[in-house]
Structure formats: structure tokens, C-alpha cells
Amino acid sequence: MLKGKHIVLGVTGSIAAYKIASLASMLRKQGADTTVIMTRNATNFIHPITFEELTGNKCLVDTFDRNFRHNVEHVALAKQTDVFLVAPASANVIAKAAHGIADDMLTTTLLACQCPKIFAPAMNTRMFHNPILQDNLKILKRYGMEVIAPATGYLACGDTGEGKMPEPELLFEYIVKALTPKDMEAVNLLVTAGPTQEKIDPVRYISNHSTGKMGYAIARAAVMRGANVTLVTGKTALTPPIGVHTINITSAQDMADAVKEYAPKQDIIIKAAAVADYRPKHAADQKVKKKDKDMAIELERTEDILGFLGAHKPAGQFLCGFSMETENMIENSREKLVRKNLDLIVANNLKQEGAGFGTDTNVVTLLSNKDTIELPIMSKEDVADALLTHIIHARGEKDT
């Protein structure tokens, strides 16, 4: 995604400027050609040499640097830039950008760029909530620039509130999103992820080994490609991807209720969650005490969410399920595809190396009424992209 891309990082006068060193390093490791432009004030917080060592490119500060090349540097740089991220973005530079003021190397280059532009405000919480600053951010958005909401926490000035610059990993995600082709724009997609927990008593529950990695990878890939993504997720250790509407659930019934509420408005539904098939018929209000004899728990079936969706699928909706098997994977999965009225099912075998719960890779077979497509072992991110590409093509064929 980043190889051959040119990223410009605009660094302004904020204590958070030091964090951009990590981002610059991250971008270079991913193959991006990165140039850093600093305001004069920013050089009081981190030295330009740091960025030159990390990027391999000259760090620009002066508009009229006498160590010049023949071309007009800010114009030449603007022409080759694929994404321009201003982080940390001070109130001063935000105001200049909003009103077209170009009085230093950073703002001059920014004004000349026609690529996606992203701002990550970082400042005192009172400054951030100043109505003038908020109006300036609205102007940036109106002109098509993206503004990353600052984090909330303890600030360098001693206050606590909004104004912290997000961590470099999150800034990186916004850069990747800006560079990803938007072949799913205006598509409404719902994906489920993670395990469910079925209560035995206030202390214990029945669950499974799902970590949610596959469902989260699908949600991330879809939002990067421009989809409006709703993620219905059981409890995991993962952070939801940027730009995703996340609904946290606990039990299979919670997931069924959430999915039913949002399903009618979705163009695509991908059921990647590992939903418990059974739950205790009677959950205890108090902790069940340990006894000298064995304990039996009477179980009952949970609602078949995928079956419900297949039976109530509106015209034009694409429904994809997952099937994890330990034997007869193709036969069992194809039977599930037909029985639940699915458009596609993603089958994998828990016993196959590189597949299953908790891994960073997966080995899947895509089954539809027309095709059986075996994919090699891939990262779950690559599986997600391959799955979405297949669904886009399949939806296009259905429309024609």
C-alpha cells in the first residue's frame, strides 16, 4: 500500500512533535518516501536532523533555503505528494490553513497540494474548545480535509481534557485509509466478530476461543475501502478500527438483537463471529457453590442469527457466513450455504496449520452456488481484502 507513495508530514510547534519521529520511522519501514516539513516553532521541540535520519530525506523548514535545487521546492514537493498529514496541528497553523494563509514552507506547500490532507489537532483543551478554533476546523472539513479528533487525557500544561494528539499508530491508519482505493464507497456493511459469553452464574460463563481478529480485519479493510461499517462485536482485546460504528455485546441474544436492528439497511452482512450454539437454560443469580458431586448444566439452543438473516434477506442484500469445521469441511459448509440461504460462505478447518482461532493467518475456501475458491495461507488482513474483492465482483454479477 505505501511502497512508492510520497507522504509529507507537517510538524508544528507542540510538545507532541516528538511522537512524529515514531510515525516517520513507521512509514519508512512500510516503503513510503517521507518528507517532513517543520515550522520554526516546531524545531524548539525536536531537531530536524532527527527526521532526516529517520526518513533519509532533507527536513524542510525555510521557504527560501539557499541550499536550493533548480525547481521551486514547495511546488515540486506538492506535485508528488500523495498524502499530507499535519500532526501535531497547532491552532495557529489550523487557522492559516482554513483561511489560505501561506507564510512559511509548511503552509505554502500545503496550499499548493491537491492530495488528501489530514489534520491532527494538538493543544490545550481550552484552546481546542474555543469557538474560533472549532469554526476553523469546520472550514477545513468543508474544503474536504479530514480532521482527526484529539484524544482525551492529561495534557502537558497540566489540564485534563480533549487536546492530546492521537498515537502514531492511529495516525498511520488514517494515512493508509487516505491511500486506499474507495471501491466500496456508499456501501453499508455489517460484520460480526469475536465470541459470545453465555452466563452460568455471576462468576462463570460458557464461551469459545475466538479472538475477533478475522472480523476486525474485515471491518478495517471495508472502512479503508470506503464502506459505512457497523461492527457488532463480542468481548475481545482488540481496538476497533478507525471510522467504524462499533456495537459491543456480550451474549448470543445480545448479538441477535443488535444484528436484527441494523440488518435491514445493510447492503452486505458478513457473519464472522463465533456465536455460542447453546446457553444455560437457567442462569443462577448467585454464585453456584462447589459441591463434592458432579454438576450438570441443562443447555438450550441459542437463536440461529445467520438462519434468521437468510430467511428474511431483503432483495439485493449480500449475505456471507463463516464455517469452522474439523472434518468434511467442504460438504458441511456447502450444506450450510444452501440451508441458510447464503450468497457465500467462508470455510476453514480448525485443524489446518495457519487457520483457526487466535492466529494472525488463515486458510479459507470461498464457497458459493457457482464457485469453490481455495485461498492459500494469508494474513487475516489479506484474507479480508480478498473476501471483500470477491464479494464486490459477485454483487456486480448479480446486478447484471
Protein backbone atom coordinates (compact mmCIF):
# COMPACT_ATOMS: atom_id res chain seq x y z
CA MET A 1 0.00 0.00 0.00
CA LEU A 2 2.75 2.50 0.88
CA LYS A 3 5.55 1.47 -1.49
CA GLY A 4 6.20 4.22 -3.99
CA LYS A 5 3.91 6.66 -2.18
CA HIS A 6 5.15 10.06 -1.07
CA ILE A 7 3.94 11.23 2.32
CA VAL A 8 4.50 14.72 3.70
CA LEU A 9 4.37 15.19 7.46
CA GLY A 10 3.80 18.78 8.59
CA VAL A 11 5.06 19.24 12.16
CA THR A 12 4.07 22.37 14.11
CA GLY A 13 5.05 23.85 17.46
CA SER A 14 3.62 21.43 20.02
CA ILE A 15 5.13 19.22 22.70
CA ALA A 16 3.58 16.27 20.82
CA ALA A 17 6.01 16.85 17.94
CA TYR A 18 8.35 14.19 19.32
CA LYS A 19 5.76 11.48 18.60
CA ILE A 20 6.04 12.10 14.87
CA ALA A 21 9.53 10.57 14.91
CA SER A 22 7.89 7.18 15.52
CA LEU A 23 5.42 7.78 12.68
CA ALA A 24 8.20 8.78 10.27
CA SER A 25 10.07 5.59 11.12
CA MET A 26 6.92 3.52 10.70
CA LEU A 27 6.25 4.98 7.25
CA ARG A 28 9.79 4.35 6.03
CA LYS A 29 9.66 0.73 7.19
CA GLN A 30 6.50 0.30 5.08
CA GLY A 31 8.27 1.64 2.00
CA ALA A 32 6.88 5.18 1.93
CA ASP A 33 9.03 8.07 0.71
CA THR A 34 8.50 10.55 3.54
CA THR A 35 9.35 14.23 3.77
CA VAL A 36 8.96 16.24 6.96
CA ILE A 37 8.25 19.98 6.90
CA MET A 38 8.59 21.81 10.20
CA THR A 39 7.53 25.24 11.36
CA ARG A 40 10.18 27.32 13.09
CA ASN A 41 8.45 26.78 16.43
CA ALA A 42 8.47 23.01 15.94
CA THR A 43 12.29 22.99 15.88
CA ASN A 44 12.23 24.04 19.54
CA PHE A 45 10.68 20.66 20.42
CA ILE A 46 12.55 18.26 18.10
CA HIS A 47 15.57 18.79 15.86
CA PRO A 48 15.22 18.50 12.05
CA ILE A 49 18.23 16.12 11.98
CA THR A 50 16.11 13.52 13.80
CA PHE A 51 13.64 13.43 10.93
CA GLU A 52 16.40 13.43 8.31
CA GLU A 53 17.95 10.35 9.89
CA LEU A 54 14.58 8.59 10.11
CA THR A 55 13.34 9.40 6.60
CA GLY A 56 16.52 9.69 4.58
CA ASN A 57 15.21 12.99 3.18
CA LYS A 58 16.03 16.59 3.97
CA CYS A 59 13.74 18.08 6.60
CA LEU A 60 12.37 21.38 5.27
CA VAL A 61 11.99 24.48 7.43
CA ASP A 62 12.97 27.53 5.39
CA THR A 63 10.93 28.66 2.41
CA PHE A 64 13.95 30.44 0.96
CA ASP A 65 16.66 27.91 1.74
CA ARG A 66 19.78 28.94 -0.23
CA ASN A 67 20.83 25.30 -0.48
CA PHE A 68 18.17 25.02 -3.17
CA ARG A 69 17.50 22.85 -6.19
CA HIS A 70 16.64 24.40 -9.55
CA ASN A 71 12.91 23.66 -9.22
CA VAL A 72 10.61 25.63 -6.94
CA GLU A 73 10.76 23.31 -3.96
CA HIS A 74 7.33 23.75 -2.38
CA VAL A 75 5.60 23.41 -5.77
CA ALA A 76 7.68 20.40 -6.82
CA LEU A 77 7.02 18.69 -3.50
CA ALA A 78 3.29 19.43 -3.69
CA LYS A 79 3.05 17.80 -7.14
CA GLN A 80 4.47 14.47 -5.96
CA THR A 81 2.71 14.25 -2.58
CA ASP A 82 0.10 11.51 -2.15
CA VAL A 83 -0.98 12.40 1.42
CA PHE A 84 -0.21 15.46 3.54
CA LEU A 85 -0.63 14.97 7.30
CA VAL A 86 -0.28 17.93 9.65
CA ALA A 87 0.46 16.47 13.08
CA PRO A 88 0.61 17.90 15.62
CA ALA A 89 -1.55 20.67 14.15
CA SER A 90 -1.39 23.83 16.24
CA ALA A 91 -4.27 26.31 16.46
CA ASN A 92 -2.13 28.79 14.54
CA VAL A 93 -1.49 26.53 11.53
CA ILE A 94 -5.11 25.34 11.52
CA ALA A 95 -6.22 28.99 11.30
CA LYS A 96 -3.77 29.67 8.46
CA ALA A 97 -4.85 26.59 6.51
CA ALA A 98 -8.53 27.41 6.95
CA HIS A 99 -8.07 30.89 5.50
CA GLY A 100 -5.48 30.22 2.81
CA ILE A 101 -2.56 31.95 4.51
CA ALA A 102 0.79 30.70 3.21
CA ASP A 103 3.65 32.43 5.00
CA ASP A 104 6.13 29.61 5.65
CA MET A 105 7.30 26.39 3.99
CA LEU A 106 4.63 24.22 5.64
CA THR A 107 1.59 26.36 4.80
CA THR A 108 2.92 27.24 1.33
CA THR A 109 3.36 23.59 0.38
CA LEU A 110 0.02 22.70 1.95
CA LEU A 111 -1.78 25.30 -0.14
CA ALA A 112 -0.11 24.03 -3.33
CA CYS A 113 -1.05 20.36 -2.66
CA GLN A 114 -4.07 18.77 -4.29
CA CYS A 115 -3.75 15.44 -2.48
CA PRO A 116 -5.74 14.28 0.57
CA LYS A 117 -4.95 16.47 3.59
CA ILE A 118 -5.31 15.35 7.21
CA PHE A 119 -5.05 17.40 10.40
CA ALA A 120 -4.43 16.07 13.91
CA PRO A 121 -5.08 18.98 16.33
CA ALA A 122 -2.95 19.04 19.48
CA MET A 123 -3.31 21.83 22.03
CA ASN A 124 -4.65 22.92 25.40
CA THR A 125 -8.24 21.78 25.90
CA ARG A 126 -9.49 25.37 26.32
CA MET A 127 -7.89 26.32 23.01
CA PHE A 128 -9.42 23.29 21.34
CA HIS A 129 -12.92 24.18 22.53
CA ASN A 130 -12.57 27.85 21.60
CA PRO A 131 -15.41 28.56 19.11
CA ILE A 132 -12.99 30.26 16.71
CA LEU A 133 -10.84 27.14 16.56
CA GLN A 134 -13.93 24.95 16.12
CA ASP A 135 -15.12 27.17 13.26
CA ASN A 136 -11.72 26.83 11.60
CA LEU A 137 -11.92 23.04 11.83
CA LYS A 138 -15.36 23.16 10.20
CA ILE A 139 -13.87 25.21 7.35
CA LEU A 140 -11.16 22.58 6.83
CA LYS A 141 -13.81 19.85 6.68
CA ARG A 142 -15.92 21.90 4.28
CA TYR A 143 -12.96 22.03 1.91
CA GLY A 144 -12.64 18.25 2.01
CA MET A 145 -9.84 17.93 4.55
CA GLU A 146 -10.01 15.29 7.26
CA VAL A 147 -9.75 16.25 10.93
CA ILE A 148 -8.76 13.57 13.43
CA ALA A 149 -10.47 14.02 16.78
CA PRO A 150 -7.89 14.56 19.53
CA ALA A 151 -7.61 12.12 22.39
CA THR A 152 -8.70 12.96 25.92
CA GLY A 153 -6.27 12.80 28.81
CA TYR A 154 -3.66 14.58 30.89
CA LEU A 155 -2.09 17.40 28.86
CA ALA A 156 1.43 18.84 29.09
CA CYS A 157 0.03 22.09 30.52
CA GLY A 158 -1.41 20.18 33.48
CA ASP A 159 -5.05 20.26 32.36
CA THR A 160 -7.09 17.15 31.65
CA GLY A 161 -9.41 17.03 28.66
CA GLU A 162 -9.51 16.91 24.86
CA GLY A 163 -6.41 18.09 23.05
CA LYS A 164 -3.92 15.18 23.07
CA MET A 165 -2.59 14.15 19.71
CA PRO A 166 -3.50 10.53 18.92
CA GLU A 167 -0.73 7.94 19.00
CA PRO A 168 1.40 7.40 15.85
CA GLU A 169 -0.23 4.04 15.15
CA LEU A 170 -3.62 5.73 14.75
CA LEU A 171 -2.18 8.48 12.54
CA PHE A 172 -0.67 5.74 10.39
CA GLU A 173 -4.12 4.18 9.94
CA TYR A 174 -5.51 7.48 8.65
CA ILE A 175 -2.70 7.71 6.10
CA VAL A 176 -3.41 4.17 4.88
CA LYS A 177 -7.12 4.95 4.67
CA ALA A 178 -6.45 8.05 2.56
CA LEU A 179 -4.36 5.97 0.12
CA THR A 180 -6.76 3.02 -0.19
CA PRO A 181 -8.89 3.00 -3.38
CA LYS A 182 -12.54 3.58 -2.48
CA ASP A 183 -14.28 0.75 -4.37
CA MET A 184 -16.88 0.33 -1.58
CA GLU A 185 -17.96 3.94 -1.22
CA ALA A 186 -21.57 4.34 -0.02
CA VAL A 187 -21.84 0.58 0.69
CA ASN A 188 -23.42 -0.25 4.06
CA LEU A 189 -21.70 -3.28 5.56
CA LEU A 190 -22.30 -5.07 8.85
CA VAL A 191 -19.76 -7.52 10.24
CA THR A 192 -19.90 -9.55 13.43
CA ALA A 193 -16.78 -10.55 15.33
CA GLY A 194 -15.46 -12.23 18.44
CA PRO A 195 -17.01 -14.70 20.88
CA THR A 196 -20.22 -14.56 22.86
CA GLN A 197 -20.45 -15.32 26.58
CA GLU A 198 -23.38 -17.29 27.97
CA LYS A 199 -23.89 -16.77 31.70
CA ILE A 200 -23.87 -19.72 34.11
CA ASP A 201 -23.86 -17.52 37.23
CA PRO A 202 -22.39 -14.10 38.11
CA VAL A 203 -18.87 -15.62 38.05
CA ARG A 204 -18.86 -18.20 35.24
CA TYR A 205 -19.88 -18.35 31.60
CA ILE A 206 -19.68 -20.56 28.51
CA SER A 207 -17.64 -19.18 25.62
CA ASN A 208 -15.10 -20.16 22.95
CA HIS A 209 -11.56 -19.34 21.80
CA SER A 210 -12.41 -16.64 19.25
CA THR A 211 -10.22 -13.53 19.46
CA GLY A 212 -12.18 -11.50 16.89
CA LYS A 213 -9.12 -10.97 14.66
CA MET A 214 -10.82 -12.09 11.45
CA GLY A 215 -13.94 -9.99 11.93
CA TYR A 216 -11.93 -6.93 12.92
CA ALA A 217 -9.69 -7.37 9.86
CA ILE A 218 -12.80 -7.41 7.64
CA ALA A 219 -14.19 -4.29 9.32
CA ARG A 220 -10.87 -2.46 8.88
CA ALA A 221 -10.48 -3.47 5.23
CA ALA A 222 -14.05 -2.41 4.43
CA VAL A 223 -13.79 1.01 6.07
CA MET A 224 -10.45 1.63 4.34
CA ARG A 225 -12.20 0.94 1.03
CA GLY A 226 -14.90 3.49 1.78
CA ALA A 227 -17.73 1.38 3.22
CA ASN A 228 -20.01 2.52 6.04
CA VAL A 229 -19.18 -0.22 8.52
CA THR A 230 -21.10 -1.42 11.56
CA LEU A 231 -19.16 -3.84 13.76
CA VAL A 232 -21.14 -5.96 16.23
CA THR A 233 -18.52 -7.48 18.49
CA GLY A 234 -18.24 -9.73 21.47
CA LYS A 235 -15.61 -9.05 24.13
CA THR A 236 -12.09 -9.01 22.69
CA ALA A 237 -8.72 -7.45 23.44
CA LEU A 238 -8.76 -5.61 20.11
CA THR A 239 -9.26 -1.92 19.40
CA PRO A 240 -12.00 -1.24 16.83
CA PRO A 241 -10.70 0.15 13.51
CA ILE A 242 -10.98 3.88 12.80
CA GLY A 243 -14.23 5.09 11.32
CA VAL A 244 -16.26 2.03 12.35
CA HIS A 245 -19.59 2.18 14.20
CA THR A 246 -18.97 -0.35 16.96
CA ILE A 247 -21.68 -2.12 18.97
CA ASN A 248 -20.39 -4.11 21.94
CA ILE A 249 -22.36 -7.17 23.00
CA THR A 250 -21.93 -9.99 25.49
CA SER A 251 -24.35 -12.86 24.78
CA ALA A 252 -25.70 -14.55 21.67
CA GLN A 253 -29.07 -12.93 22.35
CA ASP A 254 -27.40 -9.50 22.57
CA MET A 255 -25.80 -10.13 19.18
CA ALA A 256 -29.07 -11.35 17.68
CA ASP A 257 -30.89 -8.22 18.87
CA ALA A 258 -28.22 -5.87 17.52
CA VAL A 259 -27.92 -7.62 14.17
CA LYS A 260 -31.68 -7.70 13.66
CA GLU A 261 -31.89 -3.97 14.37
CA TYR A 262 -29.25 -2.99 11.82
CA ALA A 263 -29.64 -5.74 9.21
CA PRO A 264 -32.47 -4.27 7.07
CA LYS A 265 -30.35 -1.25 6.00
CA GLN A 266 -27.23 -3.23 5.07
CA ASP A 267 -26.02 -3.97 1.55
CA ILE A 268 -23.60 -6.62 2.81
CA ILE A 269 -23.63 -8.68 6.02
CA ILE A 270 -20.62 -10.81 6.98
CA LYS A 271 -21.15 -13.06 10.00
CA ALA A 272 -17.62 -13.77 11.23
CA ALA A 273 -18.43 -14.04 14.96
CA ALA A 274 -18.18 -17.31 16.85
CA VAL A 275 -21.64 -17.35 18.39
CA ALA A 276 -22.40 -19.90 21.10
CA ASP A 277 -24.85 -22.53 19.85
CA TYR A 278 -26.05 -23.29 23.38
CA ARG A 279 -26.55 -21.40 26.64
CA PRO A 280 -27.52 -22.50 30.16
CA LYS A 281 -31.29 -22.88 30.33
CA HIS A 282 -31.34 -21.38 33.82
CA ALA A 283 -28.61 -18.88 34.79
CA ALA A 284 -28.12 -18.57 38.54
CA ASP A 285 -28.45 -15.18 40.24
CA GLN A 286 -25.87 -16.16 42.87
CA LYS A 287 -22.57 -17.99 42.50
CA VAL A 288 -23.15 -21.74 42.26
CA LYS A 289 -21.19 -23.27 45.15
CA LYS A 290 -18.79 -26.10 44.57
CA LYS A 291 -20.01 -29.49 45.78
CA ASP A 292 -18.48 -32.94 46.20
CA LYS A 293 -20.51 -34.37 43.33
CA ASP A 294 -20.55 -33.55 39.64
CA MET A 295 -22.71 -30.66 38.46
CA ALA A 296 -24.91 -30.87 35.37
CA ILE A 297 -25.92 -27.73 33.45
CA GLU A 298 -29.02 -28.00 31.28
CA LEU A 299 -28.46 -26.21 27.97
CA GLU A 300 -30.80 -24.78 25.38
CA ARG A 301 -30.23 -23.61 21.80
CA THR A 302 -29.45 -20.00 21.14
CA GLU A 303 -31.13 -18.22 18.25
CA ASP A 304 -29.73 -19.03 14.81
CA ILE A 305 -28.81 -15.50 13.73
CA LEU A 306 -27.48 -16.48 10.31
CA GLY A 307 -30.54 -18.63 9.65
CA PHE A 308 -32.80 -15.72 10.54
CA LEU A 309 -30.92 -13.38 8.21
CA GLY A 310 -31.12 -15.88 5.36
CA ALA A 311 -34.86 -16.32 5.85
CA HIS A 312 -35.50 -12.55 5.97
CA LYS A 313 -32.95 -11.35 3.42
CA PRO A 314 -34.22 -8.32 1.51
CA ALA A 315 -33.75 -8.10 -2.24
CA GLY A 316 -30.22 -7.10 -3.20
CA GLN A 317 -28.61 -7.83 0.16
CA PHE A 318 -25.46 -10.00 0.08
CA LEU A 319 -25.18 -12.44 2.97
CA CYS A 320 -21.88 -14.13 3.86
CA GLY A 321 -21.36 -16.63 6.65
CA PHE A 322 -18.34 -18.38 8.16
CA SER A 323 -17.99 -22.09 8.75
CA MET A 324 -15.30 -23.52 11.02
CA GLU A 325 -15.06 -27.27 10.75
CA THR A 326 -12.81 -30.08 11.96
CA GLU A 327 -13.90 -32.65 9.33
CA ASN A 328 -15.75 -32.78 6.00
CA MET A 329 -15.24 -29.04 5.64
CA ILE A 330 -16.48 -28.62 2.07
CA GLU A 331 -19.52 -30.87 2.44
CA ASN A 332 -20.63 -29.41 5.77
CA SER A 333 -20.05 -25.83 4.64
CA ARG A 334 -21.88 -26.24 1.34
CA GLU A 335 -24.85 -27.76 3.16
CA LYS A 336 -24.88 -24.72 5.47
CA LEU A 337 -24.69 -22.40 2.47
CA VAL A 338 -27.86 -23.87 0.97
CA ARG A 339 -29.78 -24.42 4.22
CA LYS A 340 -29.29 -20.85 5.42
CA ASN A 341 -29.85 -19.18 2.05
CA LEU A 342 -26.39 -17.57 1.90
CA ASP A 343 -24.69 -15.96 -1.05
CA LEU A 344 -21.24 -17.00 0.15
CA ILE A 345 -19.67 -18.99 2.93
CA VAL A 346 -16.06 -18.80 4.13
CA ALA A 347 -14.92 -22.23 5.25
CA ASN A 348 -11.85 -23.13 7.24
CA ASN A 349 -10.58 -26.14 9.16
CA LEU A 350 -9.55 -25.65 12.76
CA LYS A 351 -7.04 -28.48 12.45
CA GLN A 352 -5.22 -26.99 9.46
CA GLU A 353 -1.95 -25.27 10.29
CA GLY A 354 -2.22 -21.50 9.98
CA ALA A 355 -6.02 -21.45 10.38
CA GLY A 356 -8.37 -21.21 13.33
CA PHE A 357 -8.68 -19.14 16.48
CA GLY A 358 -6.06 -16.72 17.75
CA THR A 359 -3.70 -16.89 14.75
CA ASP A 360 -2.59 -13.96 12.61
CA THR A 361 -3.12 -16.05 9.47
CA ASN A 362 -5.98 -18.01 7.98
CA VAL A 363 -6.52 -20.63 5.28
CA VAL A 364 -10.00 -20.36 3.79
CA THR A 365 -12.14 -21.64 0.97
CA LEU A 366 -14.84 -19.41 -0.51
CA LEU A 367 -17.97 -21.36 -1.44
CA SER A 368 -20.94 -20.08 -3.43
CA ASN A 369 -23.56 -21.72 -5.60
CA LYS A 370 -21.20 -21.17 -8.56
CA ASP A 371 -17.65 -21.45 -7.26
CA THR A 372 -15.25 -23.14 -4.91
CA ILE A 373 -12.18 -20.93 -4.48
CA GLU A 374 -9.32 -22.13 -2.31
CA LEU A 375 -7.07 -19.37 -0.99
CA PRO A 376 -3.51 -20.04 0.20
CA ILE A 377 -2.37 -19.28 3.72
CA MET A 378 -2.56 -15.49 4.16
CA SER A 379 -2.58 -12.92 6.90
CA LYS A 380 -6.09 -12.26 8.13
CA GLU A 381 -5.80 -8.74 6.68
CA ASP A 382 -5.09 -10.20 3.22
CA VAL A 383 -7.92 -12.71 3.62
CA ALA A 384 -10.26 -9.81 4.45
CA ASP A 385 -9.25 -7.90 1.32
CA ALA A 386 -9.57 -11.00 -0.87
CA LEU A 387 -13.01 -11.73 0.58
CA LEU A 388 -14.26 -8.17 0.00
CA THR A 389 -12.92 -8.15 -3.57
CA HIS A 390 -14.77 -11.41 -4.24
CA ILE A 391 -18.00 -10.02 -2.77
CA ILE A 392 -17.75 -6.82 -4.84
CA HIS A 393 -17.39 -8.87 -8.03
CA ALA A 394 -20.18 -11.26 -7.02
CA ARG A 395 -22.56 -8.36 -6.29
CA GLY A 396 -21.72 -6.85 -9.66
CA GLU A 397 -22.55 -10.12 -11.41
CA LYS A 398 -25.89 -10.33 -9.55
CA ASP A 399 -26.80 -6.82 -10.72
CA THR A 400 -26.12 -7.69 -14.37
